[in-house]
C-alpha atoms as a PDB file:
ATOM      1  CA  MET A   1     -22.652 -96.245  18.753  1.00  0.00           C
ATOM      2  CA  ASP A   2     -19.327 -96.487  20.137  1.00  0.00           C
ATOM      3  CA  GLU A   3     -18.026 -94.746  16.943  1.00  0.00           C
ATOM      4  CA  LEU A   4     -20.115 -91.696  17.582  1.00  0.00           C
ATOM      5  CA  LEU A   5     -19.195 -91.453  21.216  1.00  0.00           C
ATOM      6  CA  GLU A   6     -15.546 -91.522  20.062  1.00  0.00           C
ATOM      7  CA  LYS A   7     -16.028 -88.751  17.414  1.00  0.00           C
ATOM      8  CA  ASN A   8     -17.840 -86.550  19.829  1.00  0.00           C
ATOM      9  CA  ARG A   9     -15.452 -86.952  22.683  1.00  0.00           C
ATOM     10  CA  PRO A  10     -13.849 -83.976  23.543  1.00  0.00           C
ATOM     11  CA  ALA A  11     -10.262 -83.667  22.147  1.00  0.00           C
ATOM     12  CA  GLN A  12      -7.467 -84.266  24.416  1.00  0.00           C
ATOM     13  CA  THR A  13      -5.765 -81.427  25.700  1.00  0.00           C
ATOM     14  CA  VAL A  14      -2.440 -80.981  23.862  1.00  0.00           C
ATOM     15  CA  GLN A  15       0.435 -79.740  26.244  1.00  0.00           C
ATOM     16  CA  SER A  16       1.233 -76.167  25.082  1.00  0.00           C
ATOM     17  CA  THR A  17       4.789 -75.124  24.644  1.00  0.00           C
ATOM     18  CA  PRO A  18       5.895 -72.478  27.276  1.00  0.00           C
ATOM     19  CA  GLN A  19       5.619 -69.011  26.260  1.00  0.00           C
ATOM     20  CA  PRO A  20       8.951 -67.211  25.837  1.00  0.00           C
ATOM     21  CA  THR A  21       9.708 -64.411  27.970  1.00  0.00           C
ATOM     22  CA  MET A  22      10.134 -60.822  26.867  1.00  0.00           C
ATOM     23  CA  HIS A  23      13.899 -61.057  26.875  1.00  0.00           C
ATOM     24  CA  GLU A  24      13.626 -64.142  24.511  1.00  0.00           C
ATOM     25  CA  ARG A  25      11.348 -62.526  21.961  1.00  0.00           C
ATOM     26  CA  THR A  26      13.476 -59.509  21.032  1.00  0.00           C
ATOM     27  CA  PRO A  27      15.060 -59.959  17.625  1.00  0.00           C
ATOM     28  CA  PRO A  28      18.695 -59.632  17.285  1.00  0.00           C
ATOM     29  CA  GLU A  29      20.211 -55.963  17.032  1.00  0.00           C
ATOM     30  CA  VAL A  30      19.986 -54.384  13.587  1.00  0.00           C
ATOM     31  CA  HIS A  31      22.349 -51.394  12.989  1.00  0.00           C
ATOM     32  CA  PRO A  32      21.688 -48.857  10.378  1.00  0.00           C
ATOM     33  CA  THR A  33      23.704 -48.722   7.157  1.00  0.00           C
ATOM     34  CA  LYS A  34      26.057 -45.810   6.633  1.00  0.00           C
ATOM     35  CA  GLU A  35      23.727 -44.115   4.288  1.00  0.00           C
ATOM     36  CA  GLU A  36      21.004 -44.461   6.778  1.00  0.00           C
ATOM     37  CA  TRP A  37      23.150 -42.989   9.647  1.00  0.00           C
ATOM     38  CA  GLU A  38      24.237 -40.071   7.468  1.00  0.00           C
ATOM     39  CA  GLU A  39      20.538 -39.369   6.626  1.00  0.00           C
ATOM     40  CA  LEU A  40      19.579 -39.669  10.450  1.00  0.00           C
ATOM     41  CA  ILE A  41      22.356 -37.145  11.068  1.00  0.00           C
ATOM     42  CA  ASP A  42      20.715 -34.572   8.674  1.00  0.00           C
ATOM     43  CA  TYR A  43      17.494 -35.137  10.006  1.00  0.00           C
ATOM     44  CA  LEU A  44      18.911 -34.330  13.389  1.00  0.00           C
ATOM     45  CA  TYR A  45      20.681 -31.162  12.045  1.00  0.00           C
ATOM     46  CA  THR A  46      17.441 -30.115  10.456  1.00  0.00           C
ATOM     47  CA  LEU A  47      15.482 -30.540  13.505  1.00  0.00           C
ATOM     48  CA  GLY A  48      18.095 -28.629  15.607  1.00  0.00           C
ATOM     49  CA  TYR A  49      17.906 -25.832  12.945  1.00  0.00           C
ATOM     50  CA  HIS A  50      14.110 -25.752  13.254  1.00  0.00           C
ATOM     51  CA  ALA A  51      14.195 -25.892  17.186  1.00  0.00           C
ATOM     52  CA  GLU A  52      16.757 -22.830  17.073  1.00  0.00           C
ATOM     53  CA  LYS A  53      14.408 -20.905  14.731  1.00  0.00           C
ATOM     54  CA  GLN A  54      11.262 -21.656  16.846  1.00  0.00           C
ATOM     55  CA  THR A  55      13.016 -20.685  19.860  1.00  0.00           C
ATOM     56  CA  GLY A  56      13.981 -17.198  18.391  1.00  0.00           C
ATOM     57  CA  LEU A  57      10.287 -16.700  17.416  1.00  0.00           C
ATOM     58  CA  MET A  58       9.066 -17.673  21.039  1.00  0.00           C
ATOM     59  CA  LYS A  59      11.483 -15.086  22.430  1.00  0.00           C
ATOM     60  CA  LYS A  60      10.182 -12.572  20.115  1.00  0.00           C
ATOM     61  CA  ALA A  61       6.634 -13.391  20.814  1.00  0.00           C
ATOM     62  CA  SER A  62       7.314 -13.386  24.569  1.00  0.00           C
ATOM     63  CA  GLU A  63       8.886  -9.811  24.128  1.00  0.00           C
ATOM     64  CA  LEU A  64       5.928  -8.602  22.516  1.00  0.00           C
ATOM     65  CA  LEU A  65       3.584 -10.062  24.884  1.00  0.00           C
ATOM     66  CA  ALA A  66       5.837  -8.285  27.701  1.00  0.00           C
ATOM     67  CA  GLN A  67       5.009  -4.938  25.896  1.00  0.00           C
ATOM     68  CA  LEU A  68       1.220  -5.320  25.992  1.00  0.00           C
ATOM     69  CA  PRO A  69      -0.546  -3.683  29.102  1.00  0.00           C
ATOM     70  CA  THR A  70      -1.489  -5.838  32.172  1.00  0.00           C
ATOM     71  CA  LYS A  71      -5.086  -6.399  33.155  1.00  0.00           C
ATOM     72  CA  ALA A  72      -4.706  -3.618  35.858  1.00  0.00           C
ATOM     73  CA  GLN A  73      -3.565  -1.237  33.302  1.00  0.00           C
ATOM     74  CA  MET A  74      -6.211  -2.057  30.840  1.00  0.00           C
ATOM     75  CA  ASP A  75      -8.845  -1.491  33.655  1.00  0.00           C
ATOM     76  CA  GLU A  76      -7.360   1.777  34.489  1.00  0.00           C
ATOM     77  CA  LEU A  77      -7.624   2.828  30.631  1.00  0.00           C
ATOM     78  CA  LEU A  78     -11.258   1.557  30.539  1.00  0.00           C
ATOM     79  CA  LYS A  79     -12.282   3.763  33.455  1.00  0.00           C
ATOM     80  CA  ALA A  80     -10.346   6.751  31.963  1.00  0.00           C
ATOM     81  CA  VAL A  81     -12.229   6.052  28.523  1.00  0.00           C
ATOM     82  CA  LYS A  82     -15.640   5.795  30.334  1.00  0.00           C
ATOM     83  CA  HIS A  83     -14.875   9.123  32.117  1.00  0.00           C
ATOM     84  CA  LEU A  84     -13.810  10.843  28.973  1.00  0.00           C
ATOM     85  CA  GLU A  85     -17.243   9.478  27.327  1.00  0.00           C
ATOM     86  CA  GLN A  86     -19.317  10.959  30.140  1.00  0.00           C
ATOM     87  CA  MET A  87     -17.453  14.289  30.062  1.00  0.00           C
ATOM     88  CA  ALA A  88     -17.963  14.479  26.249  1.00  0.00           C
ATOM     89  CA  GLU A  89     -21.795  13.505  26.606  1.00  0.00           C
ATOM     90  CA  GLN A  90     -22.304  16.273  29.448  1.00  0.00           C
ATOM     91  CA  ALA A  91     -20.475  18.887  27.134  1.00  0.00           C
ATOM     92  CA  GLY A  92     -22.695  17.996  24.138  1.00  0.00           C
ATOM     93  CA  LYS A  93     -25.745  18.276  26.302  1.00  0.00           C
ATOM     94  CA  GLN A  94     -24.701  21.847  27.368  1.00  0.00           C
ATOM     95  CA  LYS A  95     -23.909  22.916  23.967  1.00  0.00           C
ATOM     96  CA  GLU A  96     -27.253  21.474  22.588  1.00  0.00           C
ATOM     97  CA  LYS A  97     -29.149  24.088  24.525  1.00  0.00           C
ATOM     98  CA  ARG A  98     -27.489  26.879  23.015  1.00  0.00           C
ATOM     99  CA  PHE A  99     -26.415  25.591  19.397  1.00  0.00           C
ATOM    100  CA  SER A 100     -28.098  26.824  16.419  1.00  0.00           C
ATOM    101  CA  LEU A 101     -27.108  26.662  12.850  1.00  0.00           C
ATOM    102  CA  PRO A 102     -26.149  29.726  10.955  1.00  0.00           C
ATOM    103  CA  ARG A 103     -28.505  31.046   8.432  1.00  0.00           C
ATOM    104  CA  ILE A 104     -27.230  29.775   4.981  1.00  0.00           C
ATOM    105  CA  SER A 105     -28.126  31.821   2.144  1.00  0.00           C
ATOM    106  CA  LEU A 106     -27.764  30.816  -1.454  1.00  0.00           C
ATOM    107  CA  PRO A 107     -25.850  32.712  -3.981  1.00  0.00           C
ATOM    108  CA  SER A 108     -28.155  34.829  -6.128  1.00  0.00           C
ATOM    109  CA  LEU A 109     -27.305  36.152  -9.534  1.00  0.00           C
ATOM    110  CA  GLU A 110     -27.585  39.826  -9.769  1.00  0.00           C
ATOM    111  CA  PHE A 111     -27.021  42.071 -12.696  1.00  0.00           C
ATOM    112  CA  PRO A 112     -25.476  45.581 -11.938  1.00  0.00           C
ATOM    113  CA  ARG A 113     -27.776  48.603 -12.176  1.00  0.00           C
ATOM    114  CA  LEU A 114     -27.338  50.264 -15.347  1.00  0.00           C
ATOM    115  CA  SER A 115     -27.667  54.095 -15.371  1.00  0.00           C
ATOM    116  CA  PRO A 116     -29.872  55.356 -18.082  1.00  0.00           C
ATOM    117  CA  ALA A 117     -26.837  57.306 -19.926  1.00  0.00           C
ATOM    118  CA  LEU A 118     -25.235  53.857 -20.597  1.00  0.00           C
ATOM    119  CA  LEU A 119     -28.386  52.721 -22.522  1.00  0.00           C
ATOM    120  CA  LEU A 120     -28.021  55.904 -24.761  1.00  0.00           C
ATOM    121  CA  ILE A 121     -24.488  54.976 -25.902  1.00  0.00           C
ATOM    122  CA  PRO A 122     -25.553  52.569 -28.494  1.00  0.00           C
ATOM    123  CA  VAL A 123     -28.323  54.835 -29.790  1.00  0.00           C
ATOM    124  CA  VAL A 124     -25.691  57.621 -30.264  1.00  0.00           C
ATOM    125  CA  LEU A 125     -23.392  55.454 -32.032  1.00  0.00           C
ATOM    126  CA  PHE A 126     -26.003  54.272 -34.369  1.00  0.00           C
ATOM    127  CA  VAL A 127     -27.071  57.916 -35.023  1.00  0.00           C
ATOM    128  CA  LEU A 128     -23.360  58.902 -35.752  1.00  0.00           C
ATOM    129  CA  TRP A 129     -22.807  56.020 -38.084  1.00  0.00           C
ATOM    130  CA  THR A 130     -26.007  56.964 -40.179  1.00  0.00           C
ATOM    131  CA  MET A 131     -24.631  60.621 -40.250  1.00  0.00           C
ATOM    132  CA  TRP A 132     -21.166  59.343 -41.530  1.00  0.00           C
ATOM    133  CA  TYR A 133     -22.867  57.187 -44.264  1.00  0.00           C
ATOM    134  CA  SER A 134     -25.128  60.013 -45.512  1.00  0.00           C
ATOM    135  CA  LEU A 135     -22.411  62.542 -45.595  1.00  0.00           C
ATOM    136  CA  ASP A 136     -20.394  60.120 -47.624  1.00  0.00           C
ATOM    137  CA  THR A 137     -23.235  59.789 -49.994  1.00  0.00           C
ATOM    138  CA  LEU A 138     -23.896  63.489 -50.044  1.00  0.00           C
ATOM    139  CA  TRP A 139     -20.098  64.373 -50.911  1.00  0.00           C
ATOM    140  CA  VAL A 140     -19.970  61.863 -53.762  1.00  0.00           C
ATOM    141  CA  SER A 141     -23.268  63.366 -55.363  1.00  0.00           C
ATOM    142  CA  VAL A 142     -21.857  66.959 -54.685  1.00  0.00           C
ATOM    143  CA  LYS A 143     -18.649  65.926 -56.389  1.00  0.00           C
ATOM    144  CA  THR A 144     -20.269  64.766 -59.560  1.00  0.00           C
ATOM    145  CA  VAL A 145     -22.670  67.496 -59.864  1.00  0.00           C
ATOM    146  CA  GLY A 146     -20.222  70.297 -59.304  1.00  0.00           C
ATOM    147  CA  GLY A 147     -17.780  68.948 -61.595  1.00  0.00           C
ATOM    148  CA  LEU A 148     -14.965  68.470 -59.250  1.00  0.00           C
ATOM    149  CA  SER A 149     -12.593  65.713 -59.903  1.00  0.00           C
ATOM    150  CA  GLY A 150     -10.294  64.156 -57.847  1.00  0.00           C
END
């Protein structure tokens, strides 16, 4: 039983070593190599370039913002627009009472009126052509009967 008591007895507290302070924990100083230093300088120049570029863009943006109208100016413009809308609405109502669409006539296809004398022209031409043909036939027959030779 003594053996069991010995095994189950709490372990003796071991004296802990004192914790080092913050200054004692810092590792020794490490300096960058020449290549690392040049790389850091390049990063610094690049950062400066981008900072200048961003500063220029910010100046342009602030200049553009300065050109925008203020809230008071926007309120005045809104009032003017509302007034114009009211005037246009009133003018439209007055015109609606007197407004009418003009009569639209569709184009119609009209033939000119022909006089009866114009209708006789083809008939007269046909008669003249018939007479000319018959005179030719008559002349040929007279020529052969009469013994005239040409």
